[in-house]
């Protein structure tokens, strides 16, 4: 194996252990929920999900799960009262 490739693999491992280095600005994901598969999007600090619950409440389990998975890489949008959408204090 090429020595420069070995260095890239080592650097990739380091980066993967430091998710705070990454800021996700835009994301489109298919989420396989219990009742169907939904498109979930993140753009400009805002989430959207095509599930019915998100449409009526502005938040859903699909978005909350992705927030937990991606938390180190997302800057949470603050709601009134200083809470993030995940319920953690900002």
PDB file of N, CA and C in Angstrom:
ATOM      1  N   UNK A   1       0.851  -1.180   0.000  1.00  0.00           N
ATOM      2  CA  UNK A   1       0.000   0.000   0.000  1.00  0.00           C
ATOM      3  C   UNK A   1       0.895   1.241   0.000  1.00  0.00           C
ATOM      4  N   UNK A   2       0.504   2.228  -0.731  1.00  0.00           N
ATOM      5  CA  UNK A   2       1.204   3.499  -0.854  1.00  0.00           C
ATOM      6  C   UNK A   2       1.309   4.190   0.508  1.00  0.00           C
ATOM      7  N   UNK A   3       2.503   4.678   0.877  1.00  0.00           N
ATOM      8  CA  UNK A   3       2.694   5.305   2.191  1.00  0.00           C
ATOM      9  C   UNK A   3       1.840   6.558   2.358  1.00  0.00           C
ATOM     10  N   UNK A   4       1.593   7.298   1.279  1.00  0.00           N
ATOM     11  CA  UNK A   4       0.747   8.491   1.411  1.00  0.00           C
ATOM     12  C   UNK A   4      -0.706   8.089   1.685  1.00  0.00           C
ATOM     13  N   UNK A   5      -1.142   6.947   1.150  1.00  0.00           N
ATOM     14  CA  UNK A   5      -2.498   6.461   1.424  1.00  0.00           C
ATOM     15  C   UNK A   5      -2.626   6.027   2.882  1.00  0.00           C
ATOM     16  N   UNK A   6      -1.579   5.410   3.414  1.00  0.00           N
ATOM     17  CA  UNK A   6      -1.581   5.016   4.828  1.00  0.00           C
ATOM     18  C   UNK A   6      -1.743   6.247   5.704  1.00  0.00           C
ATOM     19  N   UNK A   7      -1.034   7.318   5.379  1.00  0.00           N
ATOM     20  CA  UNK A   7      -1.174   8.574   6.125  1.00  0.00           C
ATOM     21  C   UNK A   7      -2.591   9.128   6.045  1.00  0.00           C
ATOM     22  N   UNK A   8      -3.209   9.020   4.874  1.00  0.00           N
ATOM     23  CA  UNK A   8      -4.596   9.506   4.703  1.00  0.00           C
ATOM     24  C   UNK A   8      -5.568   8.671   5.530  1.00  0.00           C
ATOM     25  N   UNK A   9      -5.351   7.377   5.590  1.00  0.00           N
ATOM     26  CA  UNK A   9      -6.211   6.493   6.392  1.00  0.00           C
ATOM     27  C   UNK A   9      -6.084   6.841   7.863  1.00  0.00           C
ATOM     28  N   UNK A  10      -4.856   7.079   8.330  1.00  0.00           N
ATOM     29  CA  UNK A  10      -4.641   7.455   9.731  1.00  0.00           C
ATOM     30  C   UNK A  10      -5.313   8.790  10.049  1.00  0.00           C
ATOM     31  N   UNK A  11      -5.182   9.747   9.133  1.00  0.00           N
ATOM     32  CA  UNK A  11      -5.806  11.050   9.338  1.00  0.00           C
ATOM     33  C   UNK A  11      -7.331  10.917   9.353  1.00  0.00           C
ATOM     34  N   UNK A  12      -7.876  10.090   8.485  1.00  0.00           N
ATOM     35  CA  UNK A  12      -9.325   9.865   8.446  1.00  0.00           C
ATOM     36  C   UNK A  12      -9.823   9.283   9.765  1.00  0.00           C
ATOM     37  N   UNK A  13      -9.073   8.352  10.336  1.00  0.00           N
ATOM     38  CA  UNK A  13      -9.445   7.775  11.645  1.00  0.00           C
ATOM     39  C   UNK A  13      -9.455   8.854  12.718  1.00  0.00           C
ATOM     40  N   UNK A  14      -8.445   9.722  12.698  1.00  0.00           N
ATOM     41  CA  UNK A  14      -8.384  10.821  13.670  1.00  0.00           C
ATOM     42  C   UNK A  14      -9.591  11.735  13.497  1.00  0.00           C
ATOM     43  N   UNK A  15      -9.864  12.136  12.261  1.00  0.00           N
ATOM     44  CA  UNK A  15     -11.000  13.020  11.994  1.00  0.00           C
ATOM     45  C   UNK A  15     -12.319  12.392  12.434  1.00  0.00           C
ATOM     46  N   UNK A  16     -12.474  11.111  12.202  1.00  0.00           N
ATOM     47  CA  UNK A  16     -13.718  10.426  12.578  1.00  0.00           C
ATOM     48  C   UNK A  16     -13.940  10.439  14.090  1.00  0.00           C
ATOM     49  N   UNK A  17     -12.881  10.562  14.854  1.00  0.00           N
ATOM     50  CA  UNK A  17     -12.984  10.625  16.310  1.00  0.00           C
ATOM     51  C   UNK A  17     -13.189  12.054  16.819  1.00  0.00           C
ATOM     52  N   UNK A  18     -13.208  13.019  15.901  1.00  0.00           N
ATOM     53  CA  UNK A  18     -13.364  14.425  16.264  1.00  0.00           C
ATOM     54  C   UNK A  18     -14.476  15.058  15.428  1.00  0.00           C
ATOM     55  N   UNK A  19     -15.735  14.623  15.644  1.00  0.00           N
ATOM     56  CA  UNK A  19     -16.824  15.112  14.801  1.00  0.00           C
ATOM     57  C   UNK A  19     -17.050  16.614  14.890  1.00  0.00           C
ATOM     58  N   UNK A  20     -16.525  17.253  15.932  1.00  0.00           N
ATOM     59  CA  UNK A  20     -16.675  18.708  16.059  1.00  0.00           C
ATOM     60  C   UNK A  20     -15.941  19.464  14.955  1.00  0.00           C
ATOM     61  N   UNK A  21     -15.081  18.784  14.224  1.00  0.00           N
ATOM     62  CA  UNK A  21     -14.386  19.404  13.087  1.00  0.00           C
ATOM     63  C   UNK A  21     -15.329  19.662  11.911  1.00  0.00           C
ATOM     64  N   UNK A  22     -16.454  18.966  11.891  1.00  0.00           N
ATOM     65  CA  UNK A  22     -17.385  19.018  10.761  1.00  0.00           C
ATOM     66  C   UNK A  22     -18.620  19.807  11.144  1.00  0.00           C
ATOM     67  N   UNK A  23     -19.072  20.658  10.239  1.00  0.00           N
ATOM     68  CA  UNK A  23     -20.350  21.346  10.421  1.00  0.00           C
ATOM     69  C   UNK A  23     -21.222  21.004   9.218  1.00  0.00           C
ATOM     70  N   UNK A  24     -22.324  20.353   9.493  1.00  0.00           N
ATOM     71  CA  UNK A  24     -23.244  19.999   8.416  1.00  0.00           C
ATOM     72  C   UNK A  24     -24.106  21.212   8.116  1.00  0.00           C
ATOM     73  N   UNK A  25     -24.103  21.625   6.868  1.00  0.00           N
ATOM     74  CA  UNK A  25     -24.879  22.786   6.440  1.00  0.00           C
ATOM     75  C   UNK A  25     -26.156  22.384   5.725  1.00  0.00           C
ATOM     76  N   UNK A  26     -26.104  21.235   5.080  1.00  0.00           N
ATOM     77  CA  UNK A  26     -27.259  20.769   4.318  1.00  0.00           C
ATOM     78  C   UNK A  26     -27.241  19.241   4.316  1.00  0.00           C
ATOM     79  N   UNK A  27     -28.430  18.629   4.458  1.00  0.00           N
ATOM     80  CA  UNK A  27     -28.517  17.178   4.506  1.00  0.00           C
ATOM     81  C   UNK A  27     -29.882  16.737   4.002  1.00  0.00           C
ATOM     82  N   UNK A  28     -29.892  15.674   3.225  1.00  0.00           N
ATOM     83  CA  UNK A  28     -31.131  15.012   2.803  1.00  0.00           C
ATOM     84  C   UNK A  28     -30.948  13.543   3.113  1.00  0.00           C
ATOM     85  N   UNK A  29     -31.882  12.969   3.860  1.00  0.00           N
ATOM     86  CA  UNK A  29     -31.756  11.572   4.255  1.00  0.00           C
ATOM     87  C   UNK A  29     -33.115  10.880   4.185  1.00  0.00           C
ATOM     88  N   UNK A  30     -33.099   9.619   3.812  1.00  0.00           N
ATOM     89  CA  UNK A  30     -34.297   8.777   3.869  1.00  0.00           C
ATOM     90  C   UNK A  30     -34.265   8.071   5.209  1.00  0.00           C
ATOM     91  N   UNK A  31     -35.333   8.207   5.963  1.00  0.00           N
ATOM     92  CA  UNK A  31     -35.418   7.623   7.297  1.00  0.00           C
ATOM     93  C   UNK A  31     -36.493   6.546   7.279  1.00  0.00           C
ATOM     94  N   UNK A  32     -36.105   5.314   7.556  1.00  0.00           N
ATOM     95  CA  UNK A  32     -37.055   4.196   7.599  1.00  0.00           C
ATOM     96  C   UNK A  32     -37.638   4.113   9.007  1.00  0.00           C
ATOM     97  N   UNK A  33     -38.822   4.684   9.177  1.00  0.00           N
ATOM     98  CA  UNK A  33     -39.505   4.653  10.463  1.00  0.00           C
ATOM     99  C   UNK A  33     -40.370   3.408  10.582  1.00  0.00           C
ATOM    100  N   UNK A  34     -41.089   3.291  11.677  1.00  0.00           N
ATOM    101  CA  UNK A  34     -41.960   2.142  11.897  1.00  0.00           C
ATOM    102  C   UNK A  34     -43.173   2.146  10.979  1.00  0.00           C
ATOM    103  N   UNK A  35     -43.599   3.318  10.521  1.00  0.00           N
ATOM    104  CA  UNK A  35     -44.833   3.423   9.736  1.00  0.00           C
ATOM    105  C   UNK A  35     -44.595   3.873   8.306  1.00  0.00           C
ATOM    106  N   UNK A  36     -43.359   3.919   7.889  1.00  0.00           N
ATOM    107  CA  UNK A  36     -43.058   4.333   6.527  1.00  0.00           C
ATOM    108  C   UNK A  36     -41.659   4.908   6.436  1.00  0.00           C
ATOM    109  N   UNK A  37     -41.271   5.255   5.222  1.00  0.00           N
ATOM    110  CA  UNK A  37     -39.972   5.873   4.974  1.00  0.00           C
ATOM    111  C   UNK A  37     -40.207   7.330   4.603  1.00  0.00           C
ATOM    112  N   UNK A  38     -39.461   8.219   5.248  1.00  0.00           N
ATOM    113  CA  UNK A  38     -39.685   9.650   5.094  1.00  0.00           C
ATOM    114  C   UNK A  38     -38.399  10.365   4.692  1.00  0.00           C
ATOM    115  N   UNK A  39     -38.549  11.391   3.895  1.00  0.00           N
ATOM    116  CA  UNK A  39     -37.436  12.257   3.551  1.00  0.00           C
ATOM    117  C   UNK A  39     -37.288  13.290   4.665  1.00  0.00           C
ATOM    118  N   UNK A  40     -36.094  13.367   5.225  1.00  0.00           N
ATOM    119  CA  UNK A  40     -35.786  14.337   6.270  1.00  0.00           C
ATOM    120  C   UNK A  40     -34.684  15.246   5.721  1.00  0.00           C
ATOM    121  N   UNK A  41     -34.877  16.553   5.845  1.00  0.00           N
ATOM    122  CA  UNK A  41     -33.913  17.520   5.318  1.00  0.00           C
ATOM    123  C   UNK A  41     -33.455  18.474   6.411  1.00  0.00           C
ATOM    124  N   UNK A  42     -32.212  18.910   6.287  1.00  0.00           N
ATOM    125  CA  UNK A  42     -31.642  19.920   7.175  1.00  0.00           C
ATOM    126  C   UNK A  42     -30.968  20.946   6.285  1.00  0.00           C
ATOM    127  N   UNK A  43     -31.363  22.192   6.427  1.00  0.00           N
ATOM    128  CA  UNK A  43     -30.758  23.254   5.636  1.00  0.00           C
ATOM    129  C   UNK A  43     -30.934  24.575   6.360  1.00  0.00           C
ATOM    130  N   UNK A  44     -29.880  25.353   6.395  1.00  0.00           N
ATOM    131  CA  UNK A  44     -29.943  26.662   7.033  1.00  0.00           C
ATOM    132  C   UNK A  44     -30.309  26.595   8.503  1.00  0.00           C
ATOM    133  N   UNK A  45     -29.881  25.507   9.172  1.00  0.00           N
ATOM    134  CA  UNK A  45     -30.177  25.366  10.596  1.00  0.00           C
ATOM    135  C   UNK A  45     -31.596  24.924  10.895  1.00  0.00           C
ATOM    136  N   UNK A  46     -32.339  24.528   9.887  1.00  0.00           N
ATOM    137  CA  UNK A  46     -33.740  24.126  10.065  1.00  0.00           C
ATOM    138  C   UNK A  46     -33.971  22.712   9.553  1.00  0.00           C
ATOM    139  N   UNK A  47     -34.803  21.989  10.266  1.00  0.00           N
ATOM    140  CA  UNK A  47     -35.194  20.635   9.892  1.00  0.00           C
ATOM    141  C   UNK A  47     -36.539  20.638   9.197  1.00  0.00           C
ATOM    142  N   UNK A  48     -36.751  19.630   8.361  1.00  0.00           N
ATOM    143  CA  UNK A  48     -38.052  19.364   7.763  1.00  0.00           C
ATOM    144  C   UNK A  48     -38.161  17.857   7.578  1.00  0.00           C
ATOM    145  N   UNK A  49     -39.347  17.331   7.787  1.00  0.00           N
ATOM    146  CA  UNK A  49     -39.611  15.911   7.578  1.00  0.00           C
ATOM    147  C   UNK A  49     -40.966  15.798   6.905  1.00  0.00           C
ATOM    148  N   UNK A  50     -41.098  14.855   5.997  1.00  0.00           N
ATOM    149  CA  UNK A  50     -42.353  14.721   5.274  1.00  0.00           C
ATOM    150  C   UNK A  50     -43.386  13.870   6.018  1.00  0.00           C
ATOM    151  N   UNK A  51     -43.078  13.442   7.249  1.00  0.00           N
ATOM    152  CA  UNK A  51     -44.072  12.664   8.001  1.00  0.00           C
ATOM    153  C   UNK A  51     -45.210  13.576   8.475  1.00  0.00           C
ATOM    154  N   UNK A  52     -46.347  12.969   8.740  1.00  0.00           N
ATOM    155  CA  UNK A  52     -47.542  13.719   9.149  1.00  0.00           C
ATOM    156  C   UNK A  52     -47.312  14.469  10.469  1.00  0.00           C
ATOM    157  N   UNK A  53     -46.662  13.825  11.431  1.00  0.00           N
ATOM    158  CA  UNK A  53     -46.480  14.446  12.740  1.00  0.00           C
ATOM    159  C   UNK A  53     -45.668  15.735  12.623  1.00  0.00           C
ATOM    160  N   UNK A  54     -44.599  15.712  11.843  1.00  0.00           N
ATOM    161  CA  UNK A  54     -43.810  16.933  11.670  1.00  0.00           C
ATOM    162  C   UNK A  54     -44.665  18.030  11.043  1.00  0.00           C
ATOM    163  N   UNK A  55     -45.496  17.659  10.093  1.00  0.00           N
ATOM    164  CA  UNK A  55     -46.350  18.634   9.415  1.00  0.00           C
ATOM    165  C   UNK A  55     -47.295  19.356  10.353  1.00  0.00           C
ATOM    166  N   UNK A  56     -47.718  18.686  11.414  1.00  0.00           N
ATOM    167  CA  UNK A  56     -48.660  19.305  12.347  1.00  0.00           C
ATOM    168  C   UNK A  56     -47.996  19.854  13.612  1.00  0.00           C
ATOM    169  N   UNK A  57     -46.787  19.376  13.927  1.00  0.00           N
ATOM    170  CA  UNK A  57     -46.132  19.781  15.175  1.00  0.00           C
ATOM    171  C   UNK A  57     -44.782  20.472  14.994  1.00  0.00           C
ATOM    172  N   UNK A  58     -44.195  20.397  13.803  1.00  0.00           N
ATOM    173  CA  UNK A  58     -42.906  21.029  13.567  1.00  0.00           C
ATOM    174  C   UNK A  58     -41.726  20.301  14.167  1.00  0.00           C
ATOM    175  N   UNK A  59     -41.938  19.085  14.648  1.00  0.00           N
ATOM    176  CA  UNK A  59     -40.899  18.245  15.230  1.00  0.00           C
ATOM    177  C   UNK A  59     -41.393  16.810  15.165  1.00  0.00           C
ATOM    178  N   UNK A  60     -40.490  15.861  15.079  1.00  0.00           N
ATOM    179  CA  UNK A  60     -40.903  14.456  15.044  1.00  0.00           C
ATOM    180  C   UNK A  60     -39.766  13.571  15.528  1.00  0.00           C
ATOM    181  N   UNK A  61     -40.055  12.293  15.693  1.00  0.00           N
ATOM    182  CA  UNK A  61     -39.049  11.347  16.175  1.00  0.00           C
ATOM    183  C   UNK A  61     -37.907  11.170  15.180  1.00  0.00           C
ATOM    184  N   UNK A  62     -38.185  11.317  13.890  1.00  0.00           N
ATOM    185  CA  UNK A  62     -37.150  11.158  12.872  1.00  0.00           C
ATOM    186  C   UNK A  62     -36.111  12.278  13.000  1.00  0.00           C
ATOM    187  N   UNK A  63     -36.586  13.498  13.139  1.00  0.00           N
ATOM    188  CA  UNK A  63     -35.694  14.647  13.316  1.00  0.00           C
ATOM    189  C   UNK A  63     -34.930  14.528  14.630  1.00  0.00           C
ATOM    190  N   UNK A  64     -35.623  14.172  15.701  1.00  0.00           N
ATOM    191  CA  UNK A  64     -34.952  14.061  17.000  1.00  0.00           C
ATOM    192  C   UNK A  64     -33.873  12.981  16.983  1.00  0.00           C
ATOM    193  N   UNK A  65     -34.122  11.866  16.287  1.00  0.00           N
ATOM    194  CA  UNK A  65     -33.116  10.803  16.188  1.00  0.00           C
ATOM    195  C   UNK A  65     -31.893  11.291  15.419  1.00  0.00           C
ATOM    196  N   UNK A  66     -32.111  11.982  14.318  1.00  0.00           N
ATOM    197  CA  UNK A  66     -30.982  12.502  13.545  1.00  0.00           C
ATOM    198  C   UNK A  66     -30.226  13.569  14.316  1.00  0.00           C
ATOM    199  N   UNK A  67     -30.929  14.384  15.098  1.00  0.00           N
ATOM    200  CA  UNK A  67     -30.237  15.371  15.941  1.00  0.00           C
ATOM    201  C   UNK A  67     -29.299  14.675  16.919  1.00  0.00           C
ATOM    202  N   UNK A  68     -29.759  13.574  17.500  1.00  0.00           N
ATOM    203  CA  UNK A  68     -28.912  12.833  18.442  1.00  0.00           C
ATOM    204  C   UNK A  68     -27.699  12.231  17.737  1.00  0.00           C
ATOM    205  N   UNK A  69     -27.912  11.667  16.563  1.00  0.00           N
ATOM    206  CA  UNK A  69     -26.814  11.055  15.815  1.00  0.00           C
ATOM    207  C   UNK A  69     -25.781  12.082  15.361  1.00  0.00           C
ATOM    208  N   UNK A  70     -26.249  13.245  14.963  1.00  0.00           N
ATOM    209  CA  UNK A  70     -25.385  14.242  14.330  1.00  0.00           C
ATOM    210  C   UNK A  70     -25.048  15.422  15.232  1.00  0.00           C
ATOM    211  N   UNK A  71     -25.450  15.380  16.485  1.00  0.00           N
ATOM    212  CA  UNK A  71     -25.327  16.518  17.398  1.00  0.00           C
ATOM    213  C   UNK A  71     -23.971  17.223  17.364  1.00  0.00           C
ATOM    214  N   UNK A  72     -22.857  16.502  17.375  1.00  0.00           N
ATOM    215  CA  UNK A  72     -21.573  17.218  17.384  1.00  0.00           C
ATOM    216  C   UNK A  72     -21.325  18.036  16.111  1.00  0.00           C
ATOM    217  N   UNK A  73     -22.062  17.726  15.054  1.00  0.00           N
ATOM    218  CA  UNK A  73     -21.811  18.378  13.772  1.00  0.00           C
ATOM    219  C   UNK A  73     -22.877  19.403  13.402  1.00  0.00           C
ATOM    220  N   UNK A  74     -23.911  19.527  14.224  1.00  0.00           N
ATOM    221  CA  UNK A  74     -24.998  20.463  13.943  1.00  0.00           C
ATOM    222  C   UNK A  74     -24.988  21.598  14.943  1.00  0.00           C
ATOM    223  N   UNK A  75     -25.243  22.781  14.485  1.00  0.00           N
ATOM    224  CA  UNK A  75     -25.442  23.903  15.387  1.00  0.00           C
ATOM    225  C   UNK A  75     -26.947  23.974  15.620  1.00  0.00           C
ATOM    226  N   UNK A  76     -27.414  23.688  16.846  1.00  0.00           N
ATOM    227  CA  UNK A  76     -28.857  23.650  17.079  1.00  0.00           C
ATOM    228  C   UNK A  76     -29.510  25.012  16.903  1.00  0.00           C
ATOM    229  N   UNK A  77     -30.705  24.987  16.379  1.00  0.00           N
ATOM    230  CA  UNK A  77     -31.500  26.201  16.234  1.00  0.00           C
ATOM    231  C   UNK A  77     -32.159  26.455  17.576  1.00  0.00           C
ATOM    232  N   UNK A  78     -31.994  27.652  18.101  1.00  0.00           N
ATOM    233  CA  UNK A  78     -32.603  27.968  19.391  1.00  0.00           C
ATOM    234  C   UNK A  78     -34.059  28.343  19.212  1.00  0.00           C
ATOM    235  N   UNK A  79     -34.876  27.800  20.105  1.00  0.00           N
ATOM    236  CA  UNK A  79     -36.289  28.130  20.141  1.00  0.00           C
ATOM    237  C   UNK A  79     -36.494  29.222  21.185  1.00  0.00           C
ATOM    238  N   UNK A  80     -37.691  29.739  21.286  1.00  0.00           N
ATOM    239  CA  UNK A  80     -37.973  30.724  22.321  1.00  0.00           C
ATOM    240  C   UNK A  80     -37.695  30.092  23.675  1.00  0.00           C
ATOM    241  N   UNK A  81     -37.095  30.820  24.578  1.00  0.00           N
ATOM    242  CA  UNK A  81     -36.779  30.304  25.896  1.00  0.00           C
ATOM    243  C   UNK A  81     -35.384  29.708  25.981  1.00  0.00           C
ATOM    244  N   UNK A  82     -34.619  29.743  24.868  1.00  0.00           N
ATOM    245  CA  UNK A  82     -33.241  29.295  24.911  1.00  0.00           C
ATOM    246  C   UNK A  82     -33.047  27.811  24.803  1.00  0.00           C
ATOM    247  N   UNK A  83     -34.067  27.021  24.427  1.00  0.00           N
ATOM    248  CA  UNK A  83     -33.906  25.583  24.280  1.00  0.00           C
ATOM    249  C   UNK A  83     -33.647  25.225  22.835  1.00  0.00           C
ATOM    250  N   UNK A  84     -32.831  24.213  22.624  1.00  0.00           N
ATOM    251  CA  UNK A  84     -32.646  23.711  21.275  1.00  0.00           C
ATOM    252  C   UNK A  84     -33.785  22.756  20.965  1.00  0.00           C
ATOM    253  N   UNK A  85     -33.901  22.360  19.715  1.00  0.00           N
ATOM    254  CA  UNK A  85     -34.977  21.463  19.338  1.00  0.00           C
ATOM    255  C   UNK A  85     -34.833  20.098  19.973  1.00  0.00           C
ATOM    256  N   UNK A  86     -33.637  19.738  20.441  1.00  0.00           N
ATOM    257  CA  UNK A  86     -33.443  18.438  21.079  1.00  0.00           C
ATOM    258  C   UNK A  86     -33.757  18.490  22.571  1.00  0.00           C
ATOM    259  N   UNK A  87     -34.070  19.681  23.086  1.00  0.00           N
ATOM    260  CA  UNK A  87     -34.415  19.814  24.492  1.00  0.00           C
ATOM    261  C   UNK A  87     -33.230  20.125  25.374  1.00  0.00           C
ATOM    262  N   UNK A  88     -32.019  20.110  24.823  1.00  0.00           N
ATOM    263  CA  UNK A  88     -30.829  20.458  25.584  1.00  0.00           C
ATOM    264  C   UNK A  88     -30.701  21.957  25.645  1.00  0.00           C
ATOM    265  N   UNK A  89     -30.198  22.461  26.766  1.00  0.00           N
ATOM    266  CA  UNK A  89     -29.970  23.904  26.876  1.00  0.00           C
ATOM    267  C   UNK A  89     -28.852  24.312  25.949  1.00  0.00           C
ATOM    268  N   UNK A  90     -29.022  25.424  25.271  1.00  0.00           N
ATOM    269  CA  UNK A  90     -28.006  25.917  24.325  1.00  0.00           C
ATOM    270  C   UNK A  90     -26.862  26.573  25.063  1.00  0.00           C
TER     271      UNK A  90
END
